[in-house]
PDB file of all heavy atoms in Angstrom:
ATOM      1  N   CYS A   1       0.827  -1.207   0.009  1.00  0.00           N
ATOM      2  CA  CYS A   1       0.012  -0.008  -0.003  1.00  0.00           C
ATOM      3  C   CYS A   1       0.872   1.241  -0.013  1.00  0.00           C
ATOM      4  O   CYS A   1       2.066   1.223   0.228  1.00  0.00           O
ATOM      5  CB  CYS A   1      -0.910  -0.016   1.226  1.00  0.00           C
ATOM      6  SG  CYS A   1      -0.095   0.082   2.803  1.00  0.00           S
ATOM      7  N   GLY A   2       0.247   2.393  -0.199  1.00  0.00           N
ATOM      8  CA  GLY A   2       0.971   3.638  -0.185  1.00  0.00           C
ATOM      9  C   GLY A   2       0.333   4.692  -1.118  1.00  0.00           C
ATOM     10  O   GLY A   2      -0.872   4.638  -1.394  1.00  0.00           O
ATOM     11  N   GLY A   3       1.157   5.540  -1.701  1.00  0.00           N
ATOM     12  CA  GLY A   3       0.651   6.588  -2.543  1.00  0.00           C
ATOM     13  C   GLY A   3       1.702   7.118  -3.514  1.00  0.00           C
ATOM     14  O   GLY A   3       2.899   6.965  -3.303  1.00  0.00           O
ATOM     15  N   ALA A   4       1.274   7.763  -4.609  1.00  0.00           N
ATOM     16  CA  ALA A   4       2.186   8.285  -5.597  1.00  0.00           C
ATOM     17  C   ALA A   4       1.485   9.397  -6.355  1.00  0.00           C
ATOM     18  O   ALA A   4       0.298   9.286  -6.695  1.00  0.00           O
ATOM     19  CB  ALA A   4       2.651   7.231  -6.572  1.00  0.00           C
ATOM     20  N   ASP A   5       2.244  10.475  -6.589  1.00  0.00           N
ATOM     21  CA  ASP A   5       1.758  11.558  -7.469  1.00  0.00           C
ATOM     22  C   ASP A   5       2.945  12.351  -8.017  1.00  0.00           C
ATOM     23  O   ASP A   5       4.027  12.407  -7.350  1.00  0.00           O
ATOM     24  CB  ASP A   5       0.826  12.530  -6.716  1.00  0.00           C
ATOM     25  CG  ASP A   5      -0.631  12.264  -6.964  1.00  0.00           C
ATOM     26  OD1 ASP A   5      -0.981  11.701  -8.001  1.00  0.00           O
ATOM     27  OD2 ASP A   5      -1.489  12.601  -6.088  1.00  0.00           O
ATOM     28  N   GLU A   6       2.742  12.895  -9.178  1.00  0.00           N
ATOM     29  CA  GLU A   6       3.793  13.655  -9.857  1.00  0.00           C
ATOM     30  C   GLU A   6       3.345  15.135 -10.051  1.00  0.00           C
ATOM     31  O   GLU A   6       2.184  15.419  -9.917  1.00  0.00           O
ATOM     32  CB  GLU A   6       4.058  13.073 -11.217  1.00  0.00           C
ATOM     33  CG  GLU A   6       2.853  13.217 -12.165  1.00  0.00           C
ATOM     34  CD  GLU A   6       2.882  12.252 -13.381  1.00  0.00           C
ATOM     35  OE1 GLU A   6       2.588  11.057 -13.209  1.00  0.00           O
ATOM     36  OE2 GLU A   6       3.185  12.755 -14.479  1.00  0.00           O
ATOM     37  N   ILE A   7       4.333  15.981 -10.348  1.00  0.00           N
ATOM     38  CA  ILE A   7       3.996  17.375 -10.687  1.00  0.00           C
ATOM     39  C   ILE A   7       3.140  17.423 -11.925  1.00  0.00           C
ATOM     40  O   ILE A   7       3.495  16.801 -12.956  1.00  0.00           O
ATOM     41  CB  ILE A   7       5.282  18.197 -10.868  1.00  0.00           C
ATOM     42  CG1 ILE A   7       6.106  18.243  -9.576  1.00  0.00           C
ATOM     43  CG2 ILE A   7       4.945  19.614 -11.356  1.00  0.00           C
ATOM     44  CD1 ILE A   7       5.489  19.034  -8.485  1.00  0.00           C
ATOM     45  N   ASN A   8       2.060  18.141 -11.884  1.00  0.00           N
ATOM     46  CA  ASN A   8       1.133  18.176 -12.998  1.00  0.00           C
ATOM     47  C   ASN A   8       0.490  19.549 -13.108  1.00  0.00           C
ATOM     48  O   ASN A   8       0.305  20.214 -12.063  1.00  0.00           O
ATOM     49  CB  ASN A   8       0.063  17.077 -12.794  1.00  0.00           C
ATOM     50  CG  ASN A   8      -0.968  17.042 -13.903  1.00  0.00           C
ATOM     51  OD1 ASN A   8      -1.940  17.812 -13.855  1.00  0.00           O
ATOM     52  ND2 ASN A   8      -0.840  16.148 -14.842  1.00  0.00           N
ATOM     53  N   LEU A   9       0.104  19.977 -14.300  1.00  0.00           N
ATOM     54  CA  LEU A   9      -0.401  21.311 -14.507  1.00  0.00           C
ATOM     55  C   LEU A   9      -1.706  21.574 -13.755  1.00  0.00           C
ATOM     56  O   LEU A   9      -1.906  22.688 -13.189  1.00  0.00           O
ATOM     57  CB  LEU A   9      -0.652  21.569 -15.973  1.00  0.00           C
ATOM     58  CG  LEU A   9      -1.193  22.968 -16.373  1.00  0.00           C
ATOM     59  CD1 LEU A   9      -0.230  24.089 -15.928  1.00  0.00           C
ATOM     60  CD2 LEU A   9      -1.487  23.031 -17.854  1.00  0.00           C
ATOM     61  N   ILE A  10      -2.551  20.615 -13.613  1.00  0.00           N
ATOM     62  CA  ILE A  10      -3.858  20.848 -13.042  1.00  0.00           C
ATOM     63  C   ILE A  10      -3.806  21.203 -11.559  1.00  0.00           C
ATOM     64  O   ILE A  10      -4.343  22.248 -11.130  1.00  0.00           O
ATOM     65  CB  ILE A  10      -4.825  19.645 -13.290  1.00  0.00           C
ATOM     66  CG1 ILE A  10      -5.086  19.545 -14.805  1.00  0.00           C
ATOM     67  CG2 ILE A  10      -6.121  19.823 -12.505  1.00  0.00           C
ATOM     68  CD1 ILE A  10      -5.978  18.399 -15.243  1.00  0.00           C
ATOM     69  N   PRO A  11      -3.112  20.405 -10.719  1.00  0.00           N
ATOM     70  CA  PRO A  11      -2.977  20.845  -9.314  1.00  0.00           C
ATOM     71  C   PRO A  11      -2.088  22.088  -9.199  1.00  0.00           C
ATOM     72  O   PRO A  11      -2.303  22.922  -8.337  1.00  0.00           O
ATOM     73  CB  PRO A  11      -2.385  19.604  -8.595  1.00  0.00           C
ATOM     74  CG  PRO A  11      -1.784  18.798  -9.686  1.00  0.00           C
ATOM     75  CD  PRO A  11      -2.633  19.013 -10.887  1.00  0.00           C
ATOM     76  N   TYR A  12      -1.077  22.195 -10.092  1.00  0.00           N
ATOM     77  CA  TYR A  12      -0.228  23.390 -10.050  1.00  0.00           C
ATOM     78  C   TYR A  12      -1.059  24.657 -10.256  1.00  0.00           C
ATOM     79  O   TYR A  12      -0.977  25.590  -9.431  1.00  0.00           O
ATOM     80  CB  TYR A  12       0.857  23.250 -11.136  1.00  0.00           C
ATOM     81  CG  TYR A  12       1.793  24.461 -11.201  1.00  0.00           C
ATOM     82  CD1 TYR A  12       2.921  24.514 -10.307  1.00  0.00           C
ATOM     83  CD2 TYR A  12       1.623  25.435 -12.111  1.00  0.00           C
ATOM     84  CE1 TYR A  12       3.790  25.609 -10.392  1.00  0.00           C
ATOM     85  CE2 TYR A  12       2.506  26.537 -12.208  1.00  0.00           C
ATOM     86  CZ  TYR A  12       3.564  26.592 -11.355  1.00  0.00           C
ATOM     87  OH  TYR A  12       4.464  27.667 -11.402  1.00  0.00           O
ATOM     88  N   ASP A  13      -1.812  24.685 -11.325  1.00  0.00           N
ATOM     89  CA  ASP A  13      -2.683  25.892 -11.593  1.00  0.00           C
ATOM     90  C   ASP A  13      -3.818  25.938 -10.553  1.00  0.00           C
ATOM     91  O   ASP A  13      -4.251  27.013 -10.183  1.00  0.00           O
ATOM     92  CB  ASP A  13      -3.256  25.806 -12.978  1.00  0.00           C
ATOM     93  CG  ASP A  13      -2.319  26.403 -14.035  1.00  0.00           C
ATOM     94  OD1 ASP A  13      -1.226  26.883 -13.659  1.00  0.00           O
ATOM     95  OD2 ASP A  13      -2.672  26.426 -15.208  1.00  0.00           O
ATOM     96  N   GLY A  14      -4.334  24.773 -10.162  1.00  0.00           N
ATOM     97  CA  GLY A  14      -5.459  24.774  -9.267  1.00  0.00           C
ATOM     98  C   GLY A  14      -5.231  25.452  -7.962  1.00  0.00           C
ATOM     99  O   GLY A  14      -6.070  26.266  -7.466  1.00  0.00           O
ATOM    100  N   PHE A  15      -4.078  25.168  -7.317  1.00  0.00           N
ATOM    101  CA  PHE A  15      -3.795  25.774  -6.059  1.00  0.00           C
ATOM    102  C   PHE A  15      -3.530  27.306  -6.226  1.00  0.00           C
ATOM    103  O   PHE A  15      -3.863  28.106  -5.329  1.00  0.00           O
ATOM    104  CB  PHE A  15      -2.625  25.129  -5.357  1.00  0.00           C
ATOM    105  CG  PHE A  15      -2.977  23.786  -4.729  1.00  0.00           C
ATOM    106  CD1 PHE A  15      -2.433  22.621  -5.108  1.00  0.00           C
ATOM    107  CD2 PHE A  15      -3.887  23.771  -3.675  1.00  0.00           C
ATOM    108  CE1 PHE A  15      -2.765  21.400  -4.562  1.00  0.00           C
ATOM    109  CE2 PHE A  15      -4.212  22.540  -3.055  1.00  0.00           C
ATOM    110  CZ  PHE A  15      -3.686  21.381  -3.481  1.00  0.00           C
ATOM    111  N   ILE A  16      -3.004  27.675  -7.386  1.00  0.00           N
ATOM    112  CA  ILE A  16      -2.817  29.110  -7.632  1.00  0.00           C
ATOM    113  C   ILE A  16      -4.184  29.811  -7.749  1.00  0.00           C
ATOM    114  O   ILE A  16      -4.406  30.853  -7.154  1.00  0.00           O
ATOM    115  CB  ILE A  16      -2.035  29.345  -8.952  1.00  0.00           C
ATOM    116  CG1 ILE A  16      -0.608  28.754  -8.797  1.00  0.00           C
ATOM    117  CG2 ILE A  16      -1.952  30.824  -9.283  1.00  0.00           C
ATOM    118  CD1 ILE A  16       0.193  28.760 -10.115  1.00  0.00           C
ATOM    119  N   ARG A  17      -5.130  29.177  -8.411  1.00  0.00           N
ATOM    120  CA  ARG A  17      -6.443  29.795  -8.628  1.00  0.00           C
ATOM    121  C   ARG A  17      -7.209  29.824  -7.304  1.00  0.00           C
ATOM    122  O   ARG A  17      -8.097  30.689  -7.114  1.00  0.00           O
ATOM    123  CB  ARG A  17      -7.197  28.983  -9.665  1.00  0.00           C
ATOM    124  CG  ARG A  17      -6.656  29.150 -11.063  1.00  0.00           C
ATOM    125  CD  ARG A  17      -7.386  28.417 -12.114  1.00  0.00           C
ATOM    126  NE  ARG A  17      -6.816  28.559 -13.434  1.00  0.00           N
ATOM    127  CZ  ARG A  17      -7.240  28.049 -14.549  1.00  0.00           C
ATOM    128  NH1 ARG A  17      -8.369  27.362 -14.525  1.00  0.00           N
ATOM    129  NH2 ARG A  17      -6.629  28.257 -15.679  1.00  0.00           N
ATOM    130  N   LEU A  18      -6.940  28.897  -6.370  1.00  0.00           N
ATOM    131  CA  LEU A  18      -7.541  28.942  -5.092  1.00  0.00           C
ATOM    132  C   LEU A  18      -6.915  29.976  -4.145  1.00  0.00           C
ATOM    133  O   LEU A  18      -7.368  30.148  -3.007  1.00  0.00           O
ATOM    134  CB  LEU A  18      -7.494  27.559  -4.424  1.00  0.00           C
ATOM    135  CG  LEU A  18      -8.372  26.461  -5.026  1.00  0.00           C
ATOM    136  CD1 LEU A  18      -8.029  25.123  -4.441  1.00  0.00           C
ATOM    137  CD2 LEU A  18      -9.854  26.790  -4.797  1.00  0.00           C
ATOM    138  N   LEU A  19      -5.871  30.622  -4.658  1.00  0.00           N
ATOM    139  CA  LEU A  19      -5.146  31.672  -3.884  1.00  0.00           C
ATOM    140  C   LEU A  19      -4.481  31.113  -2.643  1.00  0.00           C
ATOM    141  O   LEU A  19      -4.391  31.809  -1.624  1.00  0.00           O
ATOM    142  CB  LEU A  19      -6.064  32.831  -3.543  1.00  0.00           C
ATOM    143  CG  LEU A  19      -6.808  33.489  -4.712  1.00  0.00           C
ATOM    144  CD1 LEU A  19      -7.729  34.584  -4.194  1.00  0.00           C
ATOM    145  CD2 LEU A  19      -5.889  34.042  -5.719  1.00  0.00           C
ATOM    146  N   ILE A  20      -4.056  29.864  -2.721  1.00  0.00           N
ATOM    147  CA  ILE A  20      -3.370  29.280  -1.549  1.00  0.00           C
ATOM    148  C   ILE A  20      -1.999  28.704  -1.919  1.00  0.00           C
ATOM    149  O   ILE A  20      -1.336  28.000  -1.138  1.00  0.00           O
ATOM    150  CB  ILE A  20      -4.197  28.137  -0.900  1.00  0.00           C
ATOM    151  CG1 ILE A  20      -4.564  27.094  -1.917  1.00  0.00           C
ATOM    152  CG2 ILE A  20      -5.417  28.725  -0.224  1.00  0.00           C
ATOM    153  CD1 ILE A  20      -5.278  25.856  -1.327  1.00  0.00           C
ATOM    154  N   ALA A  21      -1.475  29.073  -3.096  1.00  0.00           N
ATOM    155  CA  ALA A  21      -0.104  28.659  -3.480  1.00  0.00           C
ATOM    156  C   ALA A  21       0.869  29.767  -3.011  1.00  0.00           C
ATOM    157  O   ALA A  21       0.570  30.960  -3.050  1.00  0.00           O
ATOM    158  CB  ALA A  21      -0.021  28.478  -4.994  1.00  0.00           C
ATOM    159  N   SER A  22       2.052  29.355  -2.599  1.00  0.00           N
ATOM    160  CA  SER A  22       3.074  30.274  -2.122  1.00  0.00           C
ATOM    161  C   SER A  22       4.223  30.385  -3.108  1.00  0.00           C
ATOM    162  O   SER A  22       4.670  29.334  -3.645  1.00  0.00           O
ATOM    163  CB  SER A  22       3.572  29.857  -0.749  1.00  0.00           C
ATOM    164  OG  SER A  22       4.654  30.634  -0.339  1.00  0.00           O
ATOM    165  N   LYS A  23       4.749  31.564  -3.288  1.00  0.00           N
ATOM    166  CA  LYS A  23       5.907  31.774  -4.133  1.00  0.00           C
ATOM    167  C   LYS A  23       7.202  31.553  -3.363  1.00  0.00           C
ATOM    168  O   LYS A  23       8.307  31.526  -3.945  1.00  0.00           O
ATOM    169  CB  LYS A  23       5.947  33.182  -4.708  1.00  0.00           C
ATOM    170  CG  LYS A  23       4.796  33.465  -5.644  1.00  0.00           C
ATOM    171  CD  LYS A  23       4.867  34.922  -6.130  1.00  0.00           C
ATOM    172  CE  LYS A  23       3.679  35.247  -7.057  1.00  0.00           C
ATOM    173  NZ  LYS A  23       3.732  36.675  -7.503  1.00  0.00           N
ATOM    174  N   GLU A  24       7.128  31.314  -2.041  1.00  0.00           N
ATOM    175  CA  GLU A  24       8.217  31.058  -1.190  1.00  0.00           C
ATOM    176  C   GLU A  24       8.096  29.699  -0.552  1.00  0.00           C
ATOM    177  O   GLU A  24       7.010  29.118  -0.576  1.00  0.00           O
ATOM    178  CB  GLU A  24       8.353  32.137  -0.081  1.00  0.00           C
ATOM    179  CG  GLU A  24       8.495  33.571  -0.632  1.00  0.00           C
ATOM    180  CD  GLU A  24       8.468  34.606   0.472  1.00  0.00           C
ATOM    181  OE1 GLU A  24       8.115  34.232   1.624  1.00  0.00           O
ATOM    182  OE2 GLU A  24       8.772  35.763   0.172  1.00  0.00           O
ATOM    183  N   ARG A  25       9.169  29.168   0.027  1.00  0.00           N
ATOM    184  CA  ARG A  25       9.100  27.883   0.681  1.00  0.00           C
ATOM    185  C   ARG A  25       8.082  27.938   1.835  1.00  0.00           C
ATOM    186  O   ARG A  25       8.069  28.901   2.616  1.00  0.00           O
ATOM    187  CB  ARG A  25      10.465  27.521   1.238  1.00  0.00           C
ATOM    188  CG  ARG A  25      10.617  26.038   1.682  1.00  0.00           C
ATOM    189  CD  ARG A  25      12.063  25.675   1.643  1.00  0.00           C
ATOM    190  NE  ARG A  25      12.290  24.380   2.292  1.00  0.00           N
ATOM    191  CZ  ARG A  25      13.408  23.724   2.252  1.00  0.00           C
ATOM    192  NH1 ARG A  25      14.460  24.237   1.595  1.00  0.00           N
ATOM    193  NH2 ARG A  25      13.539  22.533   2.836  1.00  0.00           N
ATOM    194  N   CYS A  26       7.208  26.948   1.861  1.00  0.00           N
ATOM    195  CA  CYS A  26       6.069  26.983   2.785  1.00  0.00           C
ATOM    196  C   CYS A  26       6.518  27.035   4.274  1.00  0.00           C
ATOM    197  O   CYS A  26       7.571  26.600   4.622  1.00  0.00           O
ATOM    198  CB  CYS A  26       5.161  25.804   2.543  1.00  0.00           C
ATOM    199  SG  CYS A  26       5.892  24.210   2.850  1.00  0.00           S
ATOM    200  N   ARG A  27       5.630  27.620   5.081  1.00  0.00           N
ATOM    201  CA  ARG A  27       5.948  27.863   6.480  1.00  0.00           C
ATOM    202  C   ARG A  27       4.808  27.273   7.379  1.00  0.00           C
ATOM    203  O   ARG A  27       3.958  28.003   7.870  1.00  0.00           O
ATOM    204  CB  ARG A  27       6.111  29.369   6.798  1.00  0.00           C
ATOM    205  CG  ARG A  27       7.262  29.958   6.001  1.00  0.00           C
ATOM    206  CD  ARG A  27       7.495  31.428   6.410  1.00  0.00           C
ATOM    207  NE  ARG A  27       6.479  32.314   5.889  1.00  0.00           N
ATOM    208  CZ  ARG A  27       6.482  32.854   4.675  1.00  0.00           C
ATOM    209  NH1 ARG A  27       7.477  32.608   3.812  1.00  0.00           N
ATOM    210  NH2 ARG A  27       5.526  33.681   4.248  1.00  0.00           N
ATOM    211  N   PRO A  28       4.794  25.939   7.595  1.00  0.00           N
ATOM    212  CA  PRO A  28       3.699  25.358   8.328  1.00  0.00           C
ATOM    213  C   PRO A  28       3.517  25.945   9.732  1.00  0.00           C
ATOM    214  O   PRO A  28       4.504  26.104  10.488  1.00  0.00           O
ATOM    215  CB  PRO A  28       4.145  23.860   8.443  1.00  0.00           C
ATOM    216  CG  PRO A  28       5.010  23.651   7.249  1.00  0.00           C
ATOM    217  CD  PRO A  28       5.777  24.968   7.110  1.00  0.00           C
ATOM    218  N   PHE A  29       2.328  26.320  10.049  1.00  0.00           N
ATOM    219  CA  PHE A  29       1.885  26.792  11.381  1.00  0.00           C
ATOM    220  C   PHE A  29       2.495  28.146  11.777  1.00  0.00           C
ATOM    221  O   PHE A  29       2.358  28.554  12.934  1.00  0.00           O
ATOM    222  CB  PHE A  29       2.111  25.723  12.447  1.00  0.00           C
ATOM    223  CG  PHE A  29       1.417  24.439  12.116  1.00  0.00           C
ATOM    224  CD1 PHE A  29       2.089  23.320  11.767  1.00  0.00           C
ATOM    225  CD2 PHE A  29       0.028  24.384  12.229  1.00  0.00           C
ATOM    226  CE1 PHE A  29       1.444  22.116  11.474  1.00  0.00           C
ATOM    227  CE2 PHE A  29      -0.625  23.193  11.925  1.00  0.00           C
ATOM    228  CZ  PHE A  29       0.047  22.049  11.576  1.00  0.00           C
ATOM    229  N   SER A  30       3.208  28.804  10.868  1.00  0.00           N
ATOM    230  CA  SER A  30       3.773  30.106  11.171  1.00  0.00           C
ATOM    231  C   SER A  30       2.706  31.211  11.052  1.00  0.00           C
ATOM    232  O   SER A  30       1.787  31.101  10.193  1.00  0.00           O
ATOM    233  CB  SER A  30       4.927  30.475  10.201  1.00  0.00           C
ATOM    234  OG  SER A  30       6.011  29.677  10.434  1.00  0.00           O
ATOM    235  N   LYS A  31       2.866  32.253  11.827  1.00  0.00           N
ATOM    236  CA  LYS A  31       1.905  33.337  11.741  1.00  0.00           C
ATOM    237  C   LYS A  31       1.940  33.983  10.335  1.00  0.00           C
ATOM    238  O   LYS A  31       0.948  34.455   9.826  1.00  0.00           O
ATOM    239  CB  LYS A  31       2.244  34.374  12.797  1.00  0.00           C
ATOM    240  CG  LYS A  31       1.194  35.494  12.924  1.00  0.00           C
ATOM    241  CD  LYS A  31       1.418  36.354  14.175  1.00  0.00           C
ATOM    242  CE  LYS A  31       0.320  37.360  14.341  1.00  0.00           C
ATOM    243  NZ  LYS A  31       0.420  38.070  15.624  1.00  0.00           N
ATOM    244  N   ASP A  32       3.139  33.969   9.735  1.00  0.00           N
ATOM    245  CA  ASP A  32       3.328  34.587   8.402  1.00  0.00           C
ATOM    246  C   ASP A  32       3.190  33.585   7.304  1.00  0.00           C
ATOM    247  O   ASP A  32       3.666  33.816   6.185  1.00  0.00           O
ATOM    248  CB  ASP A  32       4.633  35.320   8.354  1.00  0.00           C
ATOM    249  CG  ASP A  32       5.819  34.379   8.544  1.00  0.00           C
ATOM    250  OD1 ASP A  32       5.608  33.228   9.024  1.00  0.00           O
ATOM    251  OD2 ASP A  32       6.955  34.837   8.323  1.00  0.00           O
ATOM    252  N   ARG A  33       2.542  32.464   7.527  1.00  0.00           N
ATOM    253  CA  ARG A  33       2.436  31.418   6.493  1.00  0.00           C
ATOM    254  C   ARG A  33       1.657  32.003   5.307  1.00  0.00           C
ATOM    255  O   ARG A  33       0.717  32.780   5.474  1.00  0.00           O
ATOM    256  CB  ARG A  33       1.755  30.169   7.014  1.00  0.00           C
ATOM    257  CG  ARG A  33       0.331  30.389   7.539  1.00  0.00           C
ATOM    258  CD  ARG A  33      -0.172  29.131   8.266  1.00  0.00           C
ATOM    259  NE  ARG A  33      -1.544  29.230   8.737  1.00  0.00           N
ATOM    260  CZ  ARG A  33      -1.899  29.802   9.859  1.00  0.00           C
ATOM    261  NH1 ARG A  33      -1.008  30.367  10.672  1.00  0.00           N
ATOM    262  NH2 ARG A  33      -3.215  29.844  10.175  1.00  0.00           N
ATOM    263  N   ALA A  34       2.085  31.609   4.074  1.00  0.00           N
ATOM    264  CA  ALA A  34       1.550  32.271   2.874  1.00  0.00           C
ATOM    265  C   ALA A  34       0.930  31.237   1.923  1.00  0.00           C
ATOM    266  O   ALA A  34       0.558  31.626   0.821  1.00  0.00           O
ATOM    267  CB  ALA A  34       2.619  33.071   2.188  1.00  0.00           C
ATOM    268  N   GLY A  35       0.947  29.944   2.259  1.00  0.00           N
ATOM    269  CA  GLY A  35       0.323  28.992   1.390  1.00  0.00           C
ATOM    270  C   GLY A  35       1.172  27.751   1.063  1.00  0.00           C
ATOM    271  O   GLY A  35       2.222  27.517   1.686  1.00  0.00           O
ATOM    272  N   ILE A  36       0.675  27.019   0.106  1.00  0.00           N
ATOM    273  CA  ILE A  36       1.140  25.668  -0.235  1.00  0.00           C
ATOM    274  C   ILE A  36       2.209  25.682  -1.307  1.00  0.00           C
ATOM    275  O   ILE A  36       2.189  26.455  -2.224  1.00  0.00           O
ATOM    276  CB  ILE A  36      -0.058  24.820  -0.712  1.00  0.00           C
ATOM    277  CG1 ILE A  36      -1.024  24.562   0.457  1.00  0.00           C
ATOM    278  CG2 ILE A  36       0.369  23.497  -1.369  1.00  0.00           C
ATOM    279  CD1 ILE A  36      -2.352  23.978   0.028  1.00  0.00           C
ATOM    280  N   ASN A  37       3.162  24.750  -1.209  1.00  0.00           N
ATOM    281  CA  ASN A  37       4.038  24.374  -2.348  1.00  0.00           C
ATOM    282  C   ASN A  37       3.680  22.945  -2.720  1.00  0.00           C
ATOM    283  O   ASN A  37       3.715  22.035  -1.840  1.00  0.00           O
ATOM    284  CB  ASN A  37       5.519  24.391  -1.986  1.00  0.00           C
ATOM    285  CG  ASN A  37       5.984  25.679  -1.342  1.00  0.00           C
ATOM    286  OD1 ASN A  37       6.636  25.650  -0.325  1.00  0.00           O
ATOM    287  ND2 ASN A  37       5.638  26.812  -1.896  1.00  0.00           N
ATOM    288  N   ILE A  38       3.311  22.669  -3.936  1.00  0.00           N
ATOM    289  CA  ILE A  38       3.063  21.246  -4.276  1.00  0.00           C
ATOM    290  C   ILE A  38       4.426  20.527  -4.443  1.00  0.00           C
ATOM    291  O   ILE A  38       5.451  21.144  -4.720  1.00  0.00           O
ATOM    292  CB  ILE A  38       2.178  21.096  -5.520  1.00  0.00           C
ATOM    293  CG1 ILE A  38       2.823  21.584  -6.808  1.00  0.00           C
ATOM    294  CG2 ILE A  38       0.823  21.765  -5.317  1.00  0.00           C
ATOM    295  CD1 ILE A  38       2.048  21.166  -8.051  1.00  0.00           C
ATOM    296  N   GLY A  39       4.342  19.215  -4.318  1.00  0.00           N
ATOM    297  CA  GLY A  39       5.549  18.399  -4.479  1.00  0.00           C
ATOM    298  C   GLY A  39       5.152  17.121  -5.210  1.00  0.00           C
ATOM    299  O   GLY A  39       4.045  16.942  -5.719  1.00  0.00           O
ATOM    300  N   GLU A  40       6.101  16.189  -5.290  1.00  0.00           N
ATOM    301  CA  GLU A  40       5.882  14.904  -5.943  1.00  0.00           C
ATOM    302  C   GLU A  40       6.673  13.858  -5.275  1.00  0.00           C
ATOM    303  O   GLU A  40       7.651  14.119  -4.535  1.00  0.00           O
ATOM    304  CB  GLU A  40       6.243  15.005  -7.452  1.00  0.00           C
ATOM    305  CG  GLU A  40       7.738  15.222  -7.706  1.00  0.00           C
ATOM    306  CD  GLU A  40       8.042  15.318  -9.196  1.00  0.00           C
ATOM    307  OE1 GLU A  40       7.125  15.097 -10.026  1.00  0.00           O
ATOM    308  OE2 GLU A  40       9.213  15.697  -9.548  1.00  0.00           O
TER     309      GLU A  40
END
């Protein structure tokens, strides 16, 4: 069992359109957190 996913345009653009993608390295639980970085 487990999971697998690759970098793909749909989630890449999707998180940007949801206004939750970050242009900087993500900052979990920080007061200044700015959003998600997708990975693979």
